[in-house]
Every structure is written in C-alpha cells, then in structure tokens.
Amino acid sequence: ALASGRPRDAAVQEGYAAFLLTQPDKESLTRAVERWRLLERATREASPEWYRARLGTAQAHAKLGDTARAREIVEMTAALHPDLGGADLKRRFEALIGPK
C-alpha cells in the first residue's frame, strides 16, 4: 500500500523492490523485475540508484532461474560502465554471475 501510495518516492520504491526480491515465490520475483526496471528507467544512468536497479533486476532474473539474462544484464552494464558503480557494487555484480 505504501509503495502504490508513493509512486514518486524513490526510497520507498527501492525498498519495495528489495522486499519483493527476498520473497521465494515466482509472482513476487516477477514483480521485483518489473519494479527494478521501473526504477532503472526513472533514474539517471550511472547514478548509484541506477546501478542498484540494474543489480536488482539481474538478481531477480537469477532467482527466477534465468541466469543467462542475469549474466547479460551484468555484462552489458560492465561494457557500458566498467567500474560498475564502485568497488562494493562491482563485487556484488561479479558475485552474481561468478567466473566466466
């Protein structure tokens, strides 16, 4: 209810997307993908929020079993921005896909 009532509040929307990502069911994870993608489009490219949205989208795909799509998102992000948003986010991106 909070997320739907505050559609322009980035912190609320990111929190809701992160919550959905913690859920074990396919419906919630699919909604997480949608929410992270909305956040990605609503933020400036290469901002911390944008990197977190890209990572969240990739994590949701991985949890849904679509590791190929998760890897594609991480690799495309790295091709555009090799620093992947800094050391912490870079570690999280790389941990998601593992070694090539």
PDB file of N, CA and C in Angstrom:
ATOM      1  N   ALA A   1       0.833  -1.189   0.000  1.00  0.00           N
ATOM      2  CA  ALA A   1       0.000   0.000   0.000  1.00  0.00           C
ATOM      3  C   ALA A   1       0.882   1.259   0.000  1.00  0.00           C
ATOM      4  N   LEU A   2       1.947   1.231   0.800  1.00  0.00           N
ATOM      5  CA  LEU A   2       2.838   2.390   0.864  1.00  0.00           C
ATOM      6  C   LEU A   2       3.471   2.660  -0.507  1.00  0.00           C
ATOM      7  N   ALA A   3       3.929   1.615  -1.170  1.00  0.00           N
ATOM      8  CA  ALA A   3       4.575   1.777  -2.469  1.00  0.00           C
ATOM      9  C   ALA A   3       3.606   2.310  -3.513  1.00  0.00           C
ATOM     10  N   SER A   4       2.385   1.823  -3.516  1.00  0.00           N
ATOM     11  CA  SER A   4       1.416   2.311  -4.510  1.00  0.00           C
ATOM     12  C   SER A   4       0.958   3.719  -4.178  1.00  0.00           C
ATOM     13  N   GLY A   5       0.978   4.082  -2.905  1.00  0.00           N
ATOM     14  CA  GLY A   5       0.581   5.422  -2.495  1.00  0.00           C
ATOM     15  C   GLY A   5       1.651   6.473  -2.687  1.00  0.00           C
ATOM     16  N   ARG A   6       2.892   6.034  -2.888  1.00  0.00           N
ATOM     17  CA  ARG A   6       4.001   6.985  -3.060  1.00  0.00           C
ATOM     18  C   ARG A   6       4.838   6.592  -4.282  1.00  0.00           C
ATOM     19  N   PRO A   7       4.232   6.647  -5.475  1.00  0.00           N
ATOM     20  CA  PRO A   7       4.923   6.170  -6.674  1.00  0.00           C
ATOM     21  C   PRO A   7       6.167   6.972  -7.060  1.00  0.00           C
ATOM     22  N   ARG A   8       6.285   8.197  -6.592  1.00  0.00           N
ATOM     23  CA  ARG A   8       7.443   9.028  -6.948  1.00  0.00           C
ATOM     24  C   ARG A   8       8.519   9.053  -5.867  1.00  0.00           C
ATOM     25  N   ASP A   9       8.305   8.338  -4.784  1.00  0.00           N
ATOM     26  CA  ASP A   9       9.278   8.287  -3.699  1.00  0.00           C
ATOM     27  C   ASP A   9      10.270   7.164  -3.998  1.00  0.00           C
ATOM     28  N   ALA A  10      11.438   7.544  -4.482  1.00  0.00           N
ATOM     29  CA  ALA A  10      12.430   6.560  -4.923  1.00  0.00           C
ATOM     30  C   ALA A  10      12.852   5.613  -3.798  1.00  0.00           C
ATOM     31  N   ALA A  11      12.998   6.127  -2.599  1.00  0.00           N
ATOM     32  CA  ALA A  11      13.422   5.280  -1.477  1.00  0.00           C
ATOM     33  C   ALA A  11      12.361   4.230  -1.161  1.00  0.00           C
ATOM     34  N   VAL A  12      11.107   4.629  -1.196  1.00  0.00           N
ATOM     35  CA  VAL A  12      10.014   3.674  -0.940  1.00  0.00           C
ATOM     36  C   VAL A  12       9.964   2.638  -2.044  1.00  0.00           C
ATOM     37  N   GLN A  13      10.083   3.075  -3.284  1.00  0.00           N
ATOM     38  CA  GLN A  13      10.017   2.155  -4.414  1.00  0.00           C
ATOM     39  C   GLN A  13      11.193   1.168  -4.392  1.00  0.00           C
ATOM     40  N   GLU A  14      12.377   1.660  -4.067  1.00  0.00           N
ATOM     41  CA  GLU A  14      13.544   0.774  -3.994  1.00  0.00           C
ATOM     42  C   GLU A  14      13.396  -0.212  -2.838  1.00  0.00           C
ATOM     43  N   GLY A  15      12.885   0.257  -1.727  1.00  0.00           N
ATOM     44  CA  GLY A  15      12.648  -0.636  -0.597  1.00  0.00           C
ATOM     45  C   GLY A  15      11.648  -1.727  -0.929  1.00  0.00           C
ATOM     46  N   TYR A  16      10.608  -1.363  -1.658  1.00  0.00           N
ATOM     47  CA  TYR A  16       9.602  -2.350  -2.053  1.00  0.00           C
ATOM     48  C   TYR A  16      10.202  -3.366  -3.020  1.00  0.00           C
ATOM     49  N   ALA A  17      10.988  -2.885  -3.973  1.00  0.00           N
ATOM     50  CA  ALA A  17      11.640  -3.795  -4.923  1.00  0.00           C
ATOM     51  C   ALA A  17      12.576  -4.754  -4.187  1.00  0.00           C
ATOM     52  N   ALA A  18      13.326  -4.234  -3.217  1.00  0.00           N
ATOM     53  CA  ALA A  18      14.232  -5.079  -2.435  1.00  0.00           C
ATOM     54  C   ALA A  18      13.444  -6.107  -1.626  1.00  0.00           C
ATOM     55  N   PHE A  19      12.309  -5.684  -1.061  1.00  0.00           N
ATOM     56  CA  PHE A  19      11.458  -6.615  -0.326  1.00  0.00           C
ATOM     57  C   PHE A  19      10.959  -7.735  -1.248  1.00  0.00           C
ATOM     58  N   LEU A  20      10.470  -7.369  -2.421  1.00  0.00           N
ATOM     59  CA  LEU A  20       9.984  -8.380  -3.370  1.00  0.00           C
ATOM     60  C   LEU A  20      11.082  -9.380  -3.710  1.00  0.00           C
ATOM     61  N   LEU A  21      12.303  -8.903  -3.810  1.00  0.00           N
ATOM     62  CA  LEU A  21      13.442  -9.759  -4.150  1.00  0.00           C
ATOM     63  C   LEU A  21      13.719 -10.805  -3.069  1.00  0.00           C
ATOM     64  N   THR A  22      13.297 -10.546  -1.851  1.00  0.00           N
ATOM     65  CA  THR A  22      13.530 -11.503  -0.763  1.00  0.00           C
ATOM     66  C   THR A  22      12.467 -12.597  -0.711  1.00  0.00           C
ATOM     67  N   GLN A  23      11.418 -12.454  -1.494  1.00  0.00           N
ATOM     68  CA  GLN A  23      10.320 -13.412  -1.441  1.00  0.00           C
ATOM     69  C   GLN A  23      10.646 -14.657  -2.278  1.00  0.00           C
ATOM     70  N   PRO A  24      10.173 -15.810  -1.851  1.00  0.00           N
ATOM     71  CA  PRO A  24      10.530 -17.052  -2.550  1.00  0.00           C
ATOM     72  C   PRO A  24       9.637 -17.405  -3.739  1.00  0.00           C
ATOM     73  N   ASP A  25       8.504 -16.725  -3.878  1.00  0.00           N
ATOM     74  CA  ASP A  25       7.563 -17.140  -4.926  1.00  0.00           C
ATOM     75  C   ASP A  25       7.816 -16.416  -6.250  1.00  0.00           C
ATOM     76  N   LYS A  26       7.455 -17.098  -7.324  1.00  0.00           N
ATOM     77  CA  LYS A  26       7.698 -16.596  -8.682  1.00  0.00           C
ATOM     78  C   LYS A  26       6.967 -15.282  -8.942  1.00  0.00           C
ATOM     79  N   GLU A  27       5.753 -15.160  -8.453  1.00  0.00           N
ATOM     80  CA  GLU A  27       4.978 -13.932  -8.676  1.00  0.00           C
ATOM     81  C   GLU A  27       5.687 -12.713  -8.087  1.00  0.00           C
ATOM     82  N   SER A  28       6.167 -12.839  -6.868  1.00  0.00           N
ATOM     83  CA  SER A  28       6.873 -11.723  -6.234  1.00  0.00           C
ATOM     84  C   SER A  28       8.164 -11.393  -6.965  1.00  0.00           C
ATOM     85  N   LEU A  29       8.888 -12.412  -7.384  1.00  0.00           N
ATOM     86  CA  LEU A  29      10.147 -12.176  -8.099  1.00  0.00           C
ATOM     87  C   LEU A  29       9.889 -11.535  -9.462  1.00  0.00           C
ATOM     88  N   THR A  30       8.813 -11.919 -10.114  1.00  0.00           N
ATOM     89  CA  THR A  30       8.448 -11.289 -11.389  1.00  0.00           C
ATOM     90  C   THR A  30       8.091  -9.826 -11.156  1.00  0.00           C
ATOM     91  N   ARG A  31       7.368  -9.544 -10.085  1.00  0.00           N
ATOM     92  CA  ARG A  31       7.057  -8.155  -9.740  1.00  0.00           C
ATOM     93  C   ARG A  31       8.325  -7.391  -9.370  1.00  0.00           C
ATOM     94  N   ALA A  32       9.294  -8.071  -8.768  1.00  0.00           N
ATOM     95  CA  ALA A  32      10.570  -7.429  -8.448  1.00  0.00           C
ATOM     96  C   ALA A  32      11.281  -6.984  -9.726  1.00  0.00           C
ATOM     97  N   VAL A  33      11.292  -7.856 -10.740  1.00  0.00           N
ATOM     98  CA  VAL A  33      11.900  -7.485 -12.024  1.00  0.00           C
ATOM     99  C   VAL A  33      11.236  -6.222 -12.558  1.00  0.00           C
ATOM    100  N   GLU A  34       9.914  -6.212 -12.561  1.00  0.00           N
ATOM    101  CA  GLU A  34       9.177  -5.052 -13.081  1.00  0.00           C
ATOM    102  C   GLU A  34       9.496  -3.791 -12.289  1.00  0.00           C
ATOM    103  N   ARG A  35       9.532  -3.912 -10.969  1.00  0.00           N
ATOM    104  CA  ARG A  35       9.786  -2.747 -10.113  1.00  0.00           C
ATOM    105  C   ARG A  35      11.201  -2.222 -10.307  1.00  0.00           C
ATOM    106  N   TRP A  36      12.190  -3.124 -10.358  1.00  0.00           N
ATOM    107  CA  TRP A  36      13.575  -2.682 -10.575  1.00  0.00           C
ATOM    108  C   TRP A  36      13.715  -2.017 -11.934  1.00  0.00           C
ATOM    109  N   ARG A  37      13.035  -2.543 -12.952  1.00  0.00           N
ATOM    110  CA  ARG A  37      13.123  -1.931 -14.279  1.00  0.00           C
ATOM    111  C   ARG A  37      12.505  -0.542 -14.287  1.00  0.00           C
ATOM    112  N   LEU A  38      11.396  -0.356 -13.579  1.00  0.00           N
ATOM    113  CA  LEU A  38      10.800   0.978 -13.453  1.00  0.00           C
ATOM    114  C   LEU A  38      11.774   1.934 -12.788  1.00  0.00           C
ATOM    115  N   LEU A  39      12.430   1.470 -11.735  1.00  0.00           N
ATOM    116  CA  LEU A  39      13.413   2.303 -11.045  1.00  0.00           C
ATOM    117  C   LEU A  39      14.577   2.653 -11.963  1.00  0.00           C
ATOM    118  N   GLU A  40      15.015   1.698 -12.748  1.00  0.00           N
ATOM    119  CA  GLU A  40      16.118   1.954 -13.672  1.00  0.00           C
ATOM    120  C   GLU A  40      15.752   3.061 -14.656  1.00  0.00           C
ATOM    121  N   ARG A  41      14.550   2.986 -15.192  1.00  0.00           N
ATOM    122  CA  ARG A  41      14.119   3.996 -16.167  1.00  0.00           C
ATOM    123  C   ARG A  41      13.895   5.361 -15.525  1.00  0.00           C
ATOM    124  N   ALA A  42      13.592   5.380 -14.233  1.00  0.00           N
ATOM    125  CA  ALA A  42      13.285   6.632 -13.543  1.00  0.00           C
ATOM    126  C   ALA A  42      14.520   7.334 -12.983  1.00  0.00           C
ATOM    127  N   THR A  43      15.686   6.698 -13.110  1.00  0.00           N
ATOM    128  CA  THR A  43      16.897   7.294 -12.545  1.00  0.00           C
ATOM    129  C   THR A  43      17.894   7.626 -13.652  1.00  0.00           C
ATOM    130  N   ARG A  44      18.802   8.496 -13.311  1.00  0.00           N
ATOM    131  CA  ARG A  44      19.846   8.909 -14.255  1.00  0.00           C
ATOM    132  C   ARG A  44      20.846   7.768 -14.424  1.00  0.00           C
ATOM    133  N   GLU A  45      21.178   7.475 -15.671  1.00  0.00           N
ATOM    134  CA  GLU A  45      22.148   6.407 -15.945  1.00  0.00           C
ATOM    135  C   GLU A  45      23.453   6.671 -15.219  1.00  0.00           C
ATOM    136  N   ALA A  46      24.007   5.599 -14.663  1.00  0.00           N
ATOM    137  CA  ALA A  46      25.282   5.587 -13.946  1.00  0.00           C
ATOM    138  C   ALA A  46      25.201   6.251 -12.571  1.00  0.00           C
ATOM    139  N   SER A  47      23.992   6.551 -12.119  1.00  0.00           N
ATOM    140  CA  SER A  47      23.838   7.040 -10.740  1.00  0.00           C
ATOM    141  C   SER A  47      23.835   5.824  -9.815  1.00  0.00           C
ATOM    142  N   PRO A  48      24.088   6.028  -8.535  1.00  0.00           N
ATOM    143  CA  PRO A  48      24.049   4.886  -7.608  1.00  0.00           C
ATOM    144  C   PRO A  48      22.706   4.140  -7.658  1.00  0.00           C
ATOM    145  N   GLU A  49      21.630   4.894  -7.779  1.00  0.00           N
ATOM    146  CA  GLU A  49      20.303   4.278  -7.850  1.00  0.00           C
ATOM    147  C   GLU A  49      20.155   3.423  -9.097  1.00  0.00           C
ATOM    148  N   TRP A  50      20.704   3.885 -10.205  1.00  0.00           N
ATOM    149  CA  TRP A  50      20.630   3.150 -11.475  1.00  0.00           C
ATOM    150  C   TRP A  50      21.404   1.838 -11.376  1.00  0.00           C
ATOM    151  N   TYR A  51      22.599   1.892 -10.801  1.00  0.00           N
ATOM    152  CA  TYR A  51      23.378   0.657 -10.624  1.00  0.00           C
ATOM    153  C   TYR A  51      22.631  -0.331  -9.730  1.00  0.00           C
ATOM    154  N   ARG A  52      22.048   0.161  -8.645  1.00  0.00           N
ATOM    155  CA  ARG A  52      21.304  -0.734  -7.762  1.00  0.00           C
ATOM    156  C   ARG A  52      20.103  -1.338  -8.482  1.00  0.00           C
ATOM    157  N   ALA A  53      19.459  -0.553  -9.325  1.00  0.00           N
ATOM    158  CA  ALA A  53      18.319  -1.076 -10.087  1.00  0.00           C
ATOM    159  C   ALA A  53      18.772  -2.135 -11.088  1.00  0.00           C
ATOM    160  N   ARG A  54      19.889  -1.892 -11.754  1.00  0.00           N
ATOM    161  CA  ARG A  54      20.421  -2.900 -12.682  1.00  0.00           C
ATOM    162  C   ARG A  54      20.767  -4.185 -11.936  1.00  0.00           C
ATOM    163  N   LEU A  55      21.425  -4.039 -10.790  1.00  0.00           N
ATOM    164  CA  LEU A  55      21.789  -5.204  -9.990  1.00  0.00           C
ATOM    165  C   LEU A  55      20.539  -5.934  -9.502  1.00  0.00           C
ATOM    166  N   GLY A  56      19.559  -5.205  -9.014  1.00  0.00           N
ATOM    167  CA  GLY A  56      18.323  -5.808  -8.545  1.00  0.00           C
ATOM    168  C   GLY A  56      17.607  -6.576  -9.648  1.00  0.00           C
ATOM    169  N   THR A  57      17.588  -6.003 -10.839  1.00  0.00           N
ATOM    170  CA  THR A  57      16.965  -6.681 -11.975  1.00  0.00           C
ATOM    171  C   THR A  57      17.695  -7.983 -12.272  1.00  0.00           C
ATOM    172  N   ALA A  58      19.009  -7.933 -12.293  1.00  0.00           N
ATOM    173  CA  ALA A  58      19.803  -9.137 -12.559  1.00  0.00           C
ATOM    174  C   ALA A  58      19.601 -10.174 -11.451  1.00  0.00           C
ATOM    175  N   GLN A  59      19.564  -9.732 -10.206  1.00  0.00           N
ATOM    176  CA  GLN A  59      19.348 -10.661  -9.098  1.00  0.00           C
ATOM    177  C   GLN A  59      17.982 -11.340  -9.199  1.00  0.00           C
ATOM    178  N   ALA A  60      16.969 -10.581  -9.559  1.00  0.00           N
ATOM    179  CA  ALA A  60      15.629 -11.159  -9.687  1.00  0.00           C
ATOM    180  C   ALA A  60      15.587 -12.200 -10.801  1.00  0.00           C
ATOM    181  N   HIS A  61      16.227 -11.885 -11.934  1.00  0.00           N
ATOM    182  CA  HIS A  61      16.283 -12.867 -13.023  1.00  0.00           C
ATOM    183  C   HIS A  61      17.004 -14.135 -12.576  1.00  0.00           C
ATOM    184  N   ALA A  62      18.097 -13.968 -11.841  1.00  0.00           N
ATOM    185  CA  ALA A  62      18.845 -15.133 -11.358  1.00  0.00           C
ATOM    186  C   ALA A  62      17.981 -15.981 -10.426  1.00  0.00           C
ATOM    187  N   LYS A  63      17.257 -15.336  -9.521  1.00  0.00           N
ATOM    188  CA  LYS A  63      16.394 -16.077  -8.600  1.00  0.00           C
ATOM    189  C   LYS A  63      15.252 -16.773  -9.329  1.00  0.00           C
ATOM    190  N   LEU A  64      14.841 -16.215 -10.458  1.00  0.00           N
ATOM    191  CA  LEU A  64      13.796 -16.847 -11.269  1.00  0.00           C
ATOM    192  C   LEU A  64      14.348 -18.008 -12.099  1.00  0.00           C
ATOM    193  N   GLY A  65      15.675 -18.184 -12.051  1.00  0.00           N
ATOM    194  CA  GLY A  65      16.297 -19.279 -12.797  1.00  0.00           C
ATOM    195  C   GLY A  65      16.802 -18.872 -14.167  1.00  0.00           C
ATOM    196  N   ASP A  66      16.671 -17.600 -14.520  1.00  0.00           N
ATOM    197  CA  ASP A  66      17.128 -17.117 -15.824  1.00  0.00           C
ATOM    198  C   ASP A  66      18.531 -16.524 -15.676  1.00  0.00           C
ATOM    199  N   THR A  67      19.488 -17.408 -15.418  1.00  0.00           N
ATOM    200  CA  THR A  67      20.856 -16.949 -15.190  1.00  0.00           C
ATOM    201  C   THR A  67      21.472 -16.341 -16.442  1.00  0.00           C
ATOM    202  N   ALA A  68      21.028 -16.768 -17.612  1.00  0.00           N
ATOM    203  CA  ALA A  68      21.545 -16.191 -18.855  1.00  0.00           C
ATOM    204  C   ALA A  68      21.171 -14.711 -18.946  1.00  0.00           C
ATOM    205  N   ARG A  69      19.938 -14.375 -18.598  1.00  0.00           N
ATOM    206  CA  ARG A  69      19.503 -12.974 -18.644  1.00  0.00           C
ATOM    207  C   ARG A  69      20.229 -12.169 -17.568  1.00  0.00           C
ATOM    208  N   ALA A  70      20.415 -12.758 -16.400  1.00  0.00           N
ATOM    209  CA  ALA A  70      21.143 -12.063 -15.331  1.00  0.00           C
ATOM    210  C   ALA A  70      22.564 -11.743 -15.797  1.00  0.00           C
ATOM    211  N   ARG A  71      23.231 -12.723 -16.388  1.00  0.00           N
ATOM    212  CA  ARG A  71      24.586 -12.520 -16.894  1.00  0.00           C
ATOM    213  C   ARG A  71      24.608 -11.445 -17.978  1.00  0.00           C
ATOM    214  N   GLU A  72      23.626 -11.464 -18.855  1.00  0.00           N
ATOM    215  CA  GLU A  72      23.538 -10.473 -19.931  1.00  0.00           C
ATOM    216  C   GLU A  72      23.438  -9.055 -19.361  1.00  0.00           C
ATOM    217  N   ILE A  73      22.613  -8.881 -18.350  1.00  0.00           N
ATOM    218  CA  ILE A  73      22.455  -7.564 -17.725  1.00  0.00           C
ATOM    219  C   ILE A  73      23.769  -7.101 -17.109  1.00  0.00           C
ATOM    220  N   VAL A  74      24.430  -7.998 -16.381  1.00  0.00           N
ATOM    221  CA  VAL A  74      25.701  -7.641 -15.737  1.00  0.00           C
ATOM    222  C   VAL A  74      26.755  -7.315 -16.796  1.00  0.00           C
ATOM    223  N   GLU A  75      26.869  -8.141 -17.810  1.00  0.00           N
ATOM    224  CA  GLU A  75      27.882  -7.911 -18.842  1.00  0.00           C
ATOM    225  C   GLU A  75      27.610  -6.641 -19.634  1.00  0.00           C
ATOM    226  N   MET A  76      26.345  -6.352 -19.931  1.00  0.00           N
ATOM    227  CA  MET A  76      26.016  -5.131 -20.658  1.00  0.00           C
ATOM    228  C   MET A  76      26.324  -3.901 -19.802  1.00  0.00           C
ATOM    229  N   THR A  77      26.014  -3.991 -18.526  1.00  0.00           N
ATOM    230  CA  THR A  77      26.301  -2.884 -17.619  1.00  0.00           C
ATOM    231  C   THR A  77      27.804  -2.655 -17.524  1.00  0.00           C
ATOM    232  N   ALA A  78      28.569  -3.737 -17.420  1.00  0.00           N
ATOM    233  CA  ALA A  78      30.029  -3.630 -17.339  1.00  0.00           C
ATOM    234  C   ALA A  78      30.624  -3.089 -18.634  1.00  0.00           C
ATOM    235  N   ALA A  79      30.034  -3.433 -19.768  1.00  0.00           N
ATOM    236  CA  ALA A  79      30.536  -2.923 -21.046  1.00  0.00           C
ATOM    237  C   ALA A  79      30.325  -1.414 -21.143  1.00  0.00           C
ATOM    238  N   LEU A  80      29.204  -0.934 -20.619  1.00  0.00           N
ATOM    239  CA  LEU A  80      28.912   0.499 -20.664  1.00  0.00           C
ATOM    240  C   LEU A  80      29.673   1.277 -19.595  1.00  0.00           C
ATOM    241  N   HIS A  81      29.818   0.661 -18.424  1.00  0.00           N
ATOM    242  CA  HIS A  81      30.426   1.322 -17.266  1.00  0.00           C
ATOM    243  C   HIS A  81      31.296   0.307 -16.531  1.00  0.00           C
ATOM    244  N   PRO A  82      32.555   0.145 -16.949  1.00  0.00           N
ATOM    245  CA  PRO A  82      33.426  -0.893 -16.378  1.00  0.00           C
ATOM    246  C   PRO A  82      33.615  -0.822 -14.864  1.00  0.00           C
ATOM    247  N   ASP A  83      33.456   0.349 -14.266  1.00  0.00           N
ATOM    248  CA  ASP A  83      33.636   0.436 -12.809  1.00  0.00           C
ATOM    249  C   ASP A  83      32.433  -0.128 -12.049  1.00  0.00           C
ATOM    250  N   LEU A  84      31.321  -0.352 -12.739  1.00  0.00           N
ATOM    251  CA  LEU A  84      30.097  -0.921 -12.159  1.00  0.00           C
ATOM    252  C   LEU A  84      29.643  -0.207 -10.887  1.00  0.00           C
ATOM    253  N   GLY A  85      29.884   1.086 -10.848  1.00  0.00           N
ATOM    254  CA  GLY A  85      29.372   1.876  -9.731  1.00  0.00           C
ATOM    255  C   GLY A  85      30.232   1.903  -8.491  1.00  0.00           C
ATOM    256  N   GLY A  86      31.442   1.405  -8.590  1.00  0.00           N
ATOM    257  CA  GLY A  86      32.342   1.423  -7.438  1.00  0.00           C
ATOM    258  C   GLY A  86      32.636   0.027  -6.927  1.00  0.00           C
ATOM    259  N   ALA A  87      33.567  -0.049  -6.012  1.00  0.00           N
ATOM    260  CA  ALA A  87      34.088  -1.336  -5.550  1.00  0.00           C
ATOM    261  C   ALA A  87      33.015  -2.243  -4.952  1.00  0.00           C
ATOM    262  N   ASP A  88      32.155  -1.692  -4.102  1.00  0.00           N
ATOM    263  CA  ASP A  88      31.135  -2.527  -3.455  1.00  0.00           C
ATOM    264  C   ASP A  88      30.139  -3.090  -4.470  1.00  0.00           C
ATOM    265  N   LEU A  89      29.603  -2.225  -5.306  1.00  0.00           N
ATOM    266  CA  LEU A  89      28.641  -2.699  -6.308  1.00  0.00           C
ATOM    267  C   LEU A  89      29.303  -3.635  -7.313  1.00  0.00           C
ATOM    268  N   LYS A  90      30.545  -3.330  -7.673  1.00  0.00           N
ATOM    269  CA  LYS A  90      31.251  -4.196  -8.613  1.00  0.00           C
ATOM    270  C   LYS A  90      31.386  -5.610  -8.052  1.00  0.00           C
ATOM    271  N   ARG A  91      31.738  -5.718  -6.772  1.00  0.00           N
ATOM    272  CA  ARG A  91      31.829  -7.040  -6.136  1.00  0.00           C
ATOM    273  C   ARG A  91      30.481  -7.757  -6.174  1.00  0.00           C
ATOM    274  N   ARG A  92      29.412  -7.022  -5.923  1.00  0.00           N
ATOM    275  CA  ARG A  92      28.074  -7.618  -5.906  1.00  0.00           C
ATOM    276  C   ARG A  92      27.657  -8.063  -7.305  1.00  0.00           C
ATOM    277  N   PHE A  93      27.962  -7.258  -8.315  1.00  0.00           N
ATOM    278  CA  PHE A  93      27.664  -7.651  -9.698  1.00  0.00           C
ATOM    279  C   PHE A  93      28.438  -8.911 -10.055  1.00  0.00           C
ATOM    280  N   GLU A  94      29.734  -8.903  -9.767  1.00  0.00           N
ATOM    281  CA  GLU A  94      30.590 -10.037 -10.126  1.00  0.00           C
ATOM    282  C   GLU A  94      30.216 -11.302  -9.353  1.00  0.00           C
ATOM    283  N   ALA A  95      29.833 -11.157  -8.102  1.00  0.00           N
ATOM    284  CA  ALA A  95      29.424 -12.312  -7.299  1.00  0.00           C
ATOM    285  C   ALA A  95      28.175 -12.962  -7.870  1.00  0.00           C
ATOM    286  N   LEU A  96      27.334 -12.157  -8.475  1.00  0.00           N
ATOM    287  CA  LEU A  96      26.084 -12.676  -9.022  1.00  0.00           C
ATOM    288  C   LEU A  96      26.322 -13.644 -10.183  1.00  0.00           C
ATOM    289  N   ILE A  97      27.269 -13.310 -11.039  1.00  0.00           N
ATOM    290  CA  ILE A  97      27.456 -14.137 -12.238  1.00  0.00           C
ATOM    291  C   ILE A  97      28.617 -15.124 -12.122  1.00  0.00           C
ATOM    292  N   GLY A  98      29.480 -14.930 -11.140  1.00  0.00           N
ATOM    293  CA  GLY A  98      30.605 -15.846 -10.980  1.00  0.00           C
ATOM    294  C   GLY A  98      31.614 -15.707 -12.113  1.00  0.00           C
ATOM    295  N   PRO A  99      32.579 -16.594 -12.137  1.00  0.00           N
ATOM    296  CA  PRO A  99      33.605 -16.515 -13.190  1.00  0.00           C
ATOM    297  C   PRO A  99      33.032 -16.890 -14.534  1.00  0.00           C
ATOM    298  N   LYS A 100      33.678 -16.359 -15.569  1.00  0.00           N
ATOM    299  CA  LYS A 100      33.228 -16.671 -16.947  1.00  0.00           C
ATOM    300  C   LYS A 100      33.600 -18.061 -17.322  1.00  0.00           C
TER     301      LYS A 100
END
